């Protein structure tokens, strides 16, 4: 008798890998997806306008991610990939004002949108979150505001 259960389908379908990237944090430290720790990861994508303004979804996502980091601490890895092409935007000030304690950098700091381009097939929108496993397998793309409790539950499931 064939087993058509979830585990059967999961085993027959290859995991989708998170595209590899490096990101220089606004404080100068470089994050490398391929050299990171073995923890679940959330990657947050946000556009920042000239002067530092950004959408409401990102205000909400940052506030919820601060709660996630506070609850899970070093059990999870967080990365915010911003996109701003304006030199008048102070990302360091933005990072500090939200009490962001994780990697927070600009994809355009090298005048290329290489990170965003590598995620193109995932149809990201402003404020999107990528949830991945400790092995950099992509588990979920979220394109809406999500509460910290929901993210914590998803991450704890990945942690086992």
N, C-alpha and C. Protein backbone atom coordinates (compact mmCIF):
# COMPACT_ATOMS: atom_id res chain seq x y z
N UNK A 1 0.85 -1.19 0.00
CA UNK A 1 0.00 0.00 0.00
C UNK A 1 0.89 1.24 0.00
N UNK A 2 0.57 2.19 -0.88
CA UNK A 2 1.34 3.42 -0.97
C UNK A 2 0.98 4.37 0.16
N UNK A 3 1.97 5.08 0.67
CA UNK A 3 1.75 6.07 1.71
C UNK A 3 1.74 7.45 1.05
N UNK A 4 0.58 8.07 1.00
CA UNK A 4 0.46 9.39 0.37
C UNK A 4 0.48 10.49 1.41
N UNK A 5 1.03 10.21 2.57
CA UNK A 5 1.08 11.20 3.65
C UNK A 5 2.05 12.33 3.35
N UNK A 6 2.04 13.32 4.21
CA UNK A 6 2.88 14.50 4.05
C UNK A 6 4.36 14.15 4.00
N UNK A 7 4.79 13.23 4.85
CA UNK A 7 6.21 12.89 4.85
C UNK A 7 6.64 12.28 3.52
N UNK A 8 5.77 11.51 2.90
CA UNK A 8 6.07 10.94 1.59
C UNK A 8 6.30 12.06 0.57
N UNK A 9 5.41 13.04 0.54
CA UNK A 9 5.55 14.14 -0.42
C UNK A 9 6.76 15.01 -0.09
N UNK A 10 7.00 15.26 1.18
CA UNK A 10 8.14 16.08 1.55
C UNK A 10 9.45 15.43 1.10
N UNK A 11 9.56 14.11 1.26
CA UNK A 11 10.79 13.41 0.88
C UNK A 11 11.01 13.40 -0.62
N UNK A 12 9.94 13.46 -1.39
CA UNK A 12 10.08 13.39 -2.85
C UNK A 12 10.35 14.76 -3.46
N UNK A 13 10.15 15.82 -2.71
CA UNK A 13 10.36 17.16 -3.23
C UNK A 13 11.62 17.76 -2.61
N UNK A 14 12.55 18.22 -3.45
CA UNK A 14 13.78 18.80 -2.90
C UNK A 14 13.48 20.11 -2.17
N UNK A 15 14.26 20.37 -1.15
CA UNK A 15 14.14 21.62 -0.42
C UNK A 15 14.58 22.78 -1.31
N UNK A 16 13.92 23.91 -1.15
CA UNK A 16 14.31 25.12 -1.86
C UNK A 16 15.30 25.87 -0.98
N UNK A 17 16.46 26.15 -1.51
CA UNK A 17 17.50 26.84 -0.75
C UNK A 17 17.27 28.35 -0.78
N UNK A 18 17.61 29.02 0.30
CA UNK A 18 17.62 30.48 0.34
C UNK A 18 18.79 30.92 -0.52
N UNK A 19 18.58 31.87 -1.43
CA UNK A 19 19.70 32.34 -2.25
C UNK A 19 20.84 32.87 -1.38
N UNK A 20 22.04 32.49 -1.73
CA UNK A 20 23.23 32.92 -0.99
C UNK A 20 23.45 34.42 -1.17
N UNK A 21 23.86 35.10 -0.10
CA UNK A 21 24.18 36.52 -0.20
C UNK A 21 25.06 36.96 0.96
N UNK A 22 25.70 38.08 0.75
CA UNK A 22 26.47 38.77 1.79
C UNK A 22 25.88 40.16 1.93
N UNK A 23 25.85 40.67 3.15
CA UNK A 23 25.30 41.99 3.42
C UNK A 23 26.15 42.68 4.47
N UNK A 24 26.58 43.88 4.15
CA UNK A 24 27.35 44.67 5.11
C UNK A 24 26.37 45.45 5.99
N UNK A 25 26.46 45.20 7.29
CA UNK A 25 25.62 45.89 8.26
C UNK A 25 26.01 47.37 8.31
N UNK A 26 25.07 48.22 8.72
CA UNK A 26 25.35 49.65 8.81
C UNK A 26 26.43 49.96 9.84
N UNK A 27 26.75 49.00 10.67
CA UNK A 27 27.82 49.18 11.65
C UNK A 27 29.13 48.55 11.18
N UNK A 28 29.16 48.06 9.93
CA UNK A 28 30.40 47.60 9.32
C UNK A 28 30.68 46.12 9.33
N UNK A 29 29.88 45.32 10.02
CA UNK A 29 30.09 43.87 10.08
C UNK A 29 29.40 43.23 8.88
N UNK A 30 30.08 42.28 8.24
CA UNK A 30 29.50 41.62 7.07
C UNK A 30 28.82 40.32 7.48
N UNK A 31 27.57 40.16 7.05
CA UNK A 31 26.80 38.93 7.24
C UNK A 31 26.96 38.11 5.97
N UNK A 32 27.26 36.82 6.12
CA UNK A 32 27.39 35.90 5.00
C UNK A 32 26.47 34.71 5.26
N UNK A 33 25.45 34.54 4.45
CA UNK A 33 24.49 33.47 4.66
C UNK A 33 25.18 32.11 4.73
N UNK A 34 26.22 31.90 3.93
CA UNK A 34 26.91 30.61 3.90
C UNK A 34 27.81 30.36 5.10
N UNK A 35 28.08 31.37 5.89
CA UNK A 35 28.97 31.20 7.05
C UNK A 35 28.25 31.50 8.36
N UNK A 36 26.96 31.51 8.33
CA UNK A 36 26.21 31.85 9.54
C UNK A 36 26.05 30.64 10.45
N UNK A 37 25.54 30.91 11.63
CA UNK A 37 25.32 29.86 12.62
C UNK A 37 24.19 28.94 12.18
N UNK A 38 24.06 27.84 12.88
CA UNK A 38 23.03 26.86 12.53
C UNK A 38 21.76 27.10 13.35
N UNK A 39 21.08 28.17 13.03
CA UNK A 39 19.83 28.55 13.69
C UNK A 39 18.80 28.84 12.62
N UNK A 40 17.51 28.77 12.97
CA UNK A 40 16.50 29.25 12.02
C UNK A 40 16.75 30.74 11.73
N UNK A 41 16.30 31.19 10.58
CA UNK A 41 16.57 32.56 10.17
C UNK A 41 15.30 33.23 9.64
N UNK A 42 15.19 34.53 9.91
CA UNK A 42 14.17 35.37 9.28
C UNK A 42 14.92 36.46 8.54
N UNK A 43 14.59 36.62 7.27
CA UNK A 43 15.16 37.70 6.46
C UNK A 43 14.02 38.65 6.13
N UNK A 44 14.17 39.90 6.50
CA UNK A 44 13.16 40.95 6.32
C UNK A 44 13.63 41.90 5.23
N UNK A 45 12.77 42.16 4.25
CA UNK A 45 13.09 43.07 3.15
C UNK A 45 12.27 44.34 3.29
N UNK A 46 12.94 45.49 3.24
CA UNK A 46 12.20 46.75 3.36
C UNK A 46 12.81 47.85 2.50
N UNK A 47 11.93 48.62 1.87
CA UNK A 47 12.35 49.80 1.11
C UNK A 47 12.34 51.00 2.05
N UNK A 48 13.37 51.84 1.91
CA UNK A 48 13.47 53.06 2.72
C UNK A 48 13.61 54.22 1.75
N UNK A 49 12.72 55.18 1.87
CA UNK A 49 12.73 56.34 0.99
C UNK A 49 13.79 57.35 1.43
N UNK A 50 14.04 58.32 0.56
CA UNK A 50 14.97 59.40 0.89
C UNK A 50 14.53 60.08 2.18
N UNK A 51 15.47 60.33 3.06
CA UNK A 51 15.16 60.95 4.33
C UNK A 51 14.77 59.96 5.40
N UNK A 52 14.62 58.67 5.04
CA UNK A 52 14.36 57.65 6.04
C UNK A 52 12.92 57.21 6.21
N UNK A 53 11.99 57.73 5.42
CA UNK A 53 10.60 57.27 5.58
C UNK A 53 10.43 55.90 4.93
N UNK A 54 9.46 55.16 5.45
CA UNK A 54 9.18 53.82 4.92
C UNK A 54 7.73 53.47 5.21
N UNK A 55 7.27 52.36 4.67
CA UNK A 55 5.86 51.99 4.75
C UNK A 55 5.46 51.51 6.15
N UNK A 56 4.18 51.55 6.40
CA UNK A 56 3.61 51.10 7.67
C UNK A 56 3.90 49.63 7.91
N UNK A 57 3.88 48.82 6.85
CA UNK A 57 4.15 47.39 7.05
C UNK A 57 5.53 47.18 7.67
N UNK A 58 6.50 47.98 7.27
CA UNK A 58 7.84 47.81 7.84
C UNK A 58 7.94 48.33 9.26
N UNK A 59 7.20 49.37 9.58
CA UNK A 59 7.13 49.82 10.97
C UNK A 59 6.62 48.67 11.84
N UNK A 60 5.54 48.04 11.38
CA UNK A 60 4.97 46.91 12.13
C UNK A 60 5.92 45.71 12.16
N UNK A 61 6.53 45.37 11.01
CA UNK A 61 7.43 44.22 10.98
C UNK A 61 8.61 44.42 11.93
N UNK A 62 9.21 45.61 11.92
CA UNK A 62 10.34 45.88 12.82
C UNK A 62 9.93 45.74 14.28
N UNK A 63 8.77 46.29 14.63
CA UNK A 63 8.30 46.18 16.02
C UNK A 63 8.08 44.72 16.43
N UNK A 64 7.51 43.92 15.54
CA UNK A 64 7.27 42.51 15.84
C UNK A 64 8.58 41.72 15.88
N UNK A 65 9.52 42.05 14.99
CA UNK A 65 10.82 41.36 14.99
C UNK A 65 11.62 41.65 16.26
N UNK A 66 11.50 42.86 16.78
CA UNK A 66 12.15 43.19 18.06
C UNK A 66 11.60 42.27 19.16
N UNK A 67 10.29 42.02 19.14
CA UNK A 67 9.68 41.11 20.13
C UNK A 67 10.18 39.68 19.93
N UNK A 68 10.32 39.25 18.69
CA UNK A 68 10.83 37.91 18.40
C UNK A 68 12.24 37.77 18.96
N UNK A 69 13.09 38.75 18.66
CA UNK A 69 14.48 38.69 19.13
C UNK A 69 14.54 38.72 20.65
N UNK A 70 13.67 39.50 21.27
CA UNK A 70 13.62 39.57 22.73
C UNK A 70 13.21 38.23 23.32
N UNK A 71 12.25 37.55 22.70
CA UNK A 71 11.76 36.28 23.21
C UNK A 71 12.72 35.12 22.96
N UNK A 72 13.36 35.11 21.78
CA UNK A 72 14.19 33.96 21.39
C UNK A 72 15.69 34.21 21.47
N UNK A 73 16.07 35.47 21.58
CA UNK A 73 17.49 35.81 21.72
C UNK A 73 18.35 35.20 20.64
N UNK A 74 19.40 34.52 21.05
CA UNK A 74 20.36 33.94 20.12
C UNK A 74 19.90 32.63 19.51
N UNK A 75 18.69 32.18 19.81
CA UNK A 75 18.18 30.95 19.20
C UNK A 75 17.78 31.14 17.75
N UNK A 76 17.68 32.39 17.32
CA UNK A 76 17.24 32.71 15.97
C UNK A 76 18.17 33.76 15.37
N UNK A 77 18.30 33.73 14.07
CA UNK A 77 19.10 34.74 13.37
C UNK A 77 18.13 35.63 12.60
N UNK A 78 18.32 36.93 12.71
CA UNK A 78 17.49 37.89 11.98
C UNK A 78 18.40 38.75 11.10
N UNK A 79 17.88 39.10 9.93
CA UNK A 79 18.59 39.97 9.00
C UNK A 79 17.55 40.87 8.35
N UNK A 80 17.81 42.17 8.34
CA UNK A 80 16.96 43.10 7.58
C UNK A 80 17.78 43.62 6.41
N UNK A 81 17.24 43.38 5.21
CA UNK A 81 17.86 43.86 3.98
C UNK A 81 17.05 45.08 3.53
N UNK A 82 17.67 46.26 3.63
CA UNK A 82 16.98 47.46 3.20
C UNK A 82 17.37 47.78 1.76
N UNK A 83 16.55 48.60 1.15
CA UNK A 83 16.84 49.12 -0.17
C UNK A 83 16.62 50.62 -0.12
N UNK A 84 17.71 51.34 -0.21
CA UNK A 84 17.63 52.78 -0.33
C UNK A 84 18.77 53.24 -1.22
N UNK A 85 18.46 54.17 -2.11
CA UNK A 85 19.50 54.68 -3.02
C UNK A 85 19.89 56.11 -2.66
N UNK A 86 19.34 56.62 -1.57
CA UNK A 86 19.60 58.01 -1.17
C UNK A 86 20.70 58.08 -0.13
N UNK A 87 21.62 58.97 -0.34
CA UNK A 87 22.70 59.17 0.64
C UNK A 87 22.20 59.93 1.85
N UNK A 88 21.01 60.55 1.75
CA UNK A 88 20.46 61.31 2.87
C UNK A 88 19.75 60.42 3.89
N UNK A 89 19.67 59.14 3.62
CA UNK A 89 18.99 58.22 4.52
C UNK A 89 19.98 57.70 5.56
N UNK A 90 19.66 57.91 6.83
CA UNK A 90 20.53 57.47 7.92
C UNK A 90 20.04 56.13 8.47
N UNK A 91 20.53 55.05 7.88
CA UNK A 91 20.10 53.72 8.30
C UNK A 91 20.57 53.37 9.70
N UNK A 92 21.71 53.88 10.10
CA UNK A 92 22.21 53.62 11.45
C UNK A 92 21.24 54.21 12.48
N UNK A 93 20.79 55.41 12.23
CA UNK A 93 19.81 56.04 13.12
C UNK A 93 18.51 55.24 13.14
N UNK A 94 18.07 54.77 11.99
CA UNK A 94 16.86 53.95 11.91
C UNK A 94 17.03 52.67 12.71
N UNK A 95 18.18 52.02 12.57
CA UNK A 95 18.46 50.79 13.31
C UNK A 95 18.40 51.05 14.82
N UNK A 96 19.00 52.13 15.24
CA UNK A 96 19.02 52.45 16.68
C UNK A 96 17.65 52.86 17.20
N UNK A 97 16.89 53.58 16.40
CA UNK A 97 15.58 54.05 16.87
C UNK A 97 14.60 52.90 17.10
N UNK A 98 14.77 51.79 16.39
CA UNK A 98 13.91 50.62 16.60
C UNK A 98 14.55 49.59 17.53
N UNK A 99 15.72 49.89 18.04
CA UNK A 99 16.44 48.96 18.91
C UNK A 99 16.71 47.63 18.21
N UNK A 100 17.10 47.71 16.94
CA UNK A 100 17.43 46.53 16.15
C UNK A 100 18.80 46.02 16.60
N UNK A 101 18.85 44.76 16.99
CA UNK A 101 20.09 44.17 17.50
C UNK A 101 20.62 43.09 16.56
N UNK A 102 20.13 43.07 15.33
CA UNK A 102 20.54 42.08 14.35
C UNK A 102 21.12 42.79 13.12
N UNK A 103 21.59 42.02 12.16
CA UNK A 103 22.15 42.58 10.93
C UNK A 103 21.12 43.44 10.22
N UNK A 104 21.52 44.65 9.89
CA UNK A 104 20.62 45.63 9.26
C UNK A 104 21.48 46.39 8.24
N UNK A 105 21.31 46.07 6.97
CA UNK A 105 22.16 46.68 5.96
C UNK A 105 21.40 47.03 4.69
N UNK A 106 22.09 47.73 3.82
CA UNK A 106 21.51 48.21 2.57
C UNK A 106 22.01 47.39 1.39
N UNK A 107 21.09 46.78 0.67
CA UNK A 107 21.45 46.01 -0.52
C UNK A 107 22.19 46.88 -1.54
N UNK A 108 21.89 48.16 -1.57
CA UNK A 108 22.45 49.07 -2.57
C UNK A 108 23.77 49.71 -2.12
N UNK A 109 24.34 49.27 -1.01
CA UNK A 109 25.58 49.90 -0.54
C UNK A 109 26.75 49.69 -1.50
N UNK A 110 26.63 48.72 -2.39
CA UNK A 110 27.66 48.49 -3.41
C UNK A 110 27.17 48.95 -4.79
N UNK A 111 26.09 49.75 -4.79
CA UNK A 111 25.46 50.29 -6.00
C UNK A 111 24.93 49.20 -6.93
N UNK A 112 24.58 48.08 -6.35
CA UNK A 112 23.93 46.97 -7.05
C UNK A 112 22.77 46.49 -6.20
N UNK A 113 21.77 45.94 -6.84
CA UNK A 113 20.65 45.32 -6.13
C UNK A 113 20.77 43.81 -6.26
N UNK A 114 21.93 43.28 -5.96
CA UNK A 114 22.20 41.87 -6.16
C UNK A 114 21.42 40.96 -5.22
N UNK A 115 21.21 41.36 -3.99
CA UNK A 115 20.45 40.52 -3.06
C UNK A 115 19.00 40.45 -3.50
N UNK A 116 18.41 41.60 -3.74
CA UNK A 116 17.02 41.62 -4.19
C UNK A 116 16.86 40.83 -5.49
N UNK A 117 17.80 40.97 -6.39
CA UNK A 117 17.75 40.23 -7.66
C UNK A 117 17.80 38.72 -7.42
N UNK A 118 18.59 38.28 -6.46
CA UNK A 118 18.71 36.84 -6.21
C UNK A 118 17.42 36.24 -5.63
N UNK A 119 16.55 37.08 -5.06
CA UNK A 119 15.28 36.62 -4.51
C UNK A 119 14.11 36.87 -5.46
N UNK A 120 14.39 37.29 -6.67
CA UNK A 120 13.36 37.70 -7.63
C UNK A 120 12.27 36.63 -7.83
N UNK A 121 12.65 35.38 -7.92
CA UNK A 121 11.68 34.32 -8.19
C UNK A 121 10.69 34.11 -7.04
N UNK A 122 10.95 34.70 -5.88
CA UNK A 122 10.08 34.56 -4.72
C UNK A 122 9.02 35.66 -4.63
N UNK A 123 8.98 36.54 -5.63
CA UNK A 123 7.96 37.60 -5.72
C UNK A 123 7.82 38.39 -4.42
N UNK A 124 8.93 38.89 -3.93
CA UNK A 124 8.90 39.66 -2.69
C UNK A 124 8.22 41.00 -2.89
N UNK A 125 7.58 41.47 -1.84
CA UNK A 125 7.00 42.80 -1.80
C UNK A 125 7.63 43.53 -0.62
N UNK A 126 7.41 44.83 -0.56
CA UNK A 126 7.95 45.62 0.55
C UNK A 126 7.41 45.05 1.86
N UNK A 127 8.31 44.74 2.78
CA UNK A 127 7.92 44.18 4.07
C UNK A 127 7.91 42.66 4.12
N UNK A 128 8.28 42.00 3.02
CA UNK A 128 8.28 40.53 3.00
C UNK A 128 9.26 39.95 4.00
N UNK A 129 8.90 38.77 4.51
CA UNK A 129 9.76 38.01 5.40
C UNK A 129 10.01 36.65 4.77
N UNK A 130 11.25 36.20 4.86
CA UNK A 130 11.62 34.84 4.46
C UNK A 130 11.95 34.10 5.75
N UNK A 131 11.35 32.93 5.94
CA UNK A 131 11.69 32.09 7.08
C UNK A 131 12.45 30.90 6.55
N UNK A 132 13.61 30.64 7.15
CA UNK A 132 14.44 29.53 6.72
C UNK A 132 14.93 28.68 7.87
N UNK A 133 15.38 27.50 7.52
CA UNK A 133 15.88 26.55 8.51
C UNK A 133 17.34 26.80 8.82
N UNK A 134 17.86 26.02 9.74
CA UNK A 134 19.27 26.11 10.09
C UNK A 134 20.18 25.72 8.92
N UNK A 135 19.64 24.98 7.95
CA UNK A 135 20.41 24.55 6.78
C UNK A 135 20.15 25.45 5.56
N UNK A 136 19.58 26.62 5.80
CA UNK A 136 19.26 27.60 4.75
C UNK A 136 18.23 27.09 3.74
N UNK A 137 17.35 26.20 4.20
CA UNK A 137 16.23 25.80 3.38
C UNK A 137 15.10 26.79 3.58
N UNK A 138 14.52 27.26 2.50
CA UNK A 138 13.43 28.22 2.58
C UNK A 138 12.16 27.49 2.99
N UNK A 139 11.55 27.93 4.07
CA UNK A 139 10.33 27.31 4.56
C UNK A 139 9.08 28.10 4.21
N UNK A 140 9.18 29.43 4.23
CA UNK A 140 7.97 30.23 4.00
C UNK A 140 8.34 31.65 3.59
N UNK A 141 7.51 32.22 2.71
CA UNK A 141 7.59 33.63 2.36
C UNK A 141 6.31 34.27 2.87
N UNK A 142 6.46 35.31 3.68
CA UNK A 142 5.30 36.02 4.24
C UNK A 142 5.31 37.43 3.67
N UNK A 143 4.18 37.85 3.11
CA UNK A 143 4.08 39.16 2.45
C UNK A 143 3.12 40.10 3.16
N UNK A 144 2.84 39.83 4.40
CA UNK A 144 1.92 40.66 5.18
C UNK A 144 2.45 40.80 6.59
N UNK A 145 1.89 41.74 7.33
CA UNK A 145 2.32 41.92 8.72
C UNK A 145 1.96 40.66 9.49
N UNK A 146 2.90 40.21 10.29
CA UNK A 146 2.69 39.01 11.08
C UNK A 146 3.10 39.30 12.52
N UNK A 147 2.31 38.81 13.43
CA UNK A 147 2.55 39.04 14.85
C UNK A 147 3.74 38.22 15.34
N UNK A 148 4.40 38.75 16.33
CA UNK A 148 5.58 38.08 16.91
C UNK A 148 5.24 36.68 17.39
N UNK A 149 4.09 36.50 18.02
CA UNK A 149 3.70 35.19 18.54
C UNK A 149 3.65 34.15 17.43
N UNK A 150 3.13 34.54 16.27
CA UNK A 150 3.06 33.62 15.14
C UNK A 150 4.45 33.26 14.65
N UNK A 151 5.32 34.25 14.54
CA UNK A 151 6.69 34.00 14.11
C UNK A 151 7.42 33.11 15.11
N UNK A 152 7.23 33.37 16.39
CA UNK A 152 7.88 32.58 17.43
C UNK A 152 7.44 31.12 17.33
N UNK A 153 6.14 30.90 17.13
CA UNK A 153 5.63 29.53 16.98
C UNK A 153 6.25 28.84 15.77
N UNK A 154 6.34 29.55 14.65
CA UNK A 154 6.93 28.97 13.43
C UNK A 154 8.40 28.63 13.66
N UNK A 155 9.11 29.50 14.33
CA UNK A 155 10.53 29.27 14.59
C UNK A 155 10.76 28.14 15.57
N UNK A 156 9.93 28.05 16.59
CA UNK A 156 10.07 26.97 17.57
C UNK A 156 9.81 25.62 16.90
N UNK A 157 8.89 25.59 15.96
CA UNK A 157 8.65 24.36 15.20
C UNK A 157 9.90 23.95 14.44
N UNK A 158 10.58 24.93 13.85
CA UNK A 158 11.82 24.64 13.12
C UNK A 158 12.94 24.18 14.05
N UNK A 159 12.91 24.69 15.28
CA UNK A 159 13.94 24.33 16.25
C UNK A 159 13.74 22.93 16.82
N UNK A 160 12.52 22.42 16.66
CA UNK A 160 12.23 21.06 17.13
C UNK A 160 11.82 21.00 18.50
